[in-house]
Amino acid sequence: MLLSFNVGDVIRLSEILNRIPEEMMDYIGDKAIIKGKKILKNNIMVLLIEFKNYARIWVFIKELN
């Protein structure tokens, strides 16, 4: 299945795979808006997402619902 994400889409964070500050764990399950995209050196796409309190984090697509 091919997933397509666009800037402005509303998504839900389902898990966080990277090590992050503990307070960011509170965002799991929350909705966020995609604010940007980036392709890493290994051709993996990450998304910049923003929560309603304006906190932003980079996430892997597999971390989203």
Foldseek 3Di string as FASTA:
>chain_A
DDDDDDAFDKWAFQDADDDDPPVCRVRHGPIWGFHAWDQDPVRFIWTWTAGPVRDIDIGGPVRID
